[in-house]
């Protein structure tokens, strides 16, 4: 059995209603449900969302026996060195996901501190990026359900 974590940062709890022209109308609950369906019954998906940087770091530091993880750090990607350090310290591979194409938005969004410490990135694929990231992790490190 493989265990995956799905970590979402600030404002991602408002998916589906916040700037639907950028982020779409799919909610985070729906994203998690799609990912749970993808991992199947032989694997486990643990999801966590917080608007607080320290809570995200605490969650990552508590993870043991994890096969791989997905993180959408939201705006913290562009500002948080301490979240970068927490991701770098993970003993499992992490995939960075961004719903929008951060390279084509405001200049301050073009650089993510996490890119250098993640095993893979899925950027600008909408909420389908979560499933693409999970599929990549399962193919490379885990098993399909």
Foldseek 3Di string as FASTA:
>chain_A
DAEEEEEEEAPLQVALPPPCVFQNRDHPVNLVVVLDVFQPDVYYYHYDYDHDPVVRLVVLVPDDRHAEYEYAHPPCQLPPPPSLVSLLPRPHAYEYEDQQAQCPDDPSSNGGSNPVRHPYYHHHNHSCSSVVRSVVSCVPGHPTD
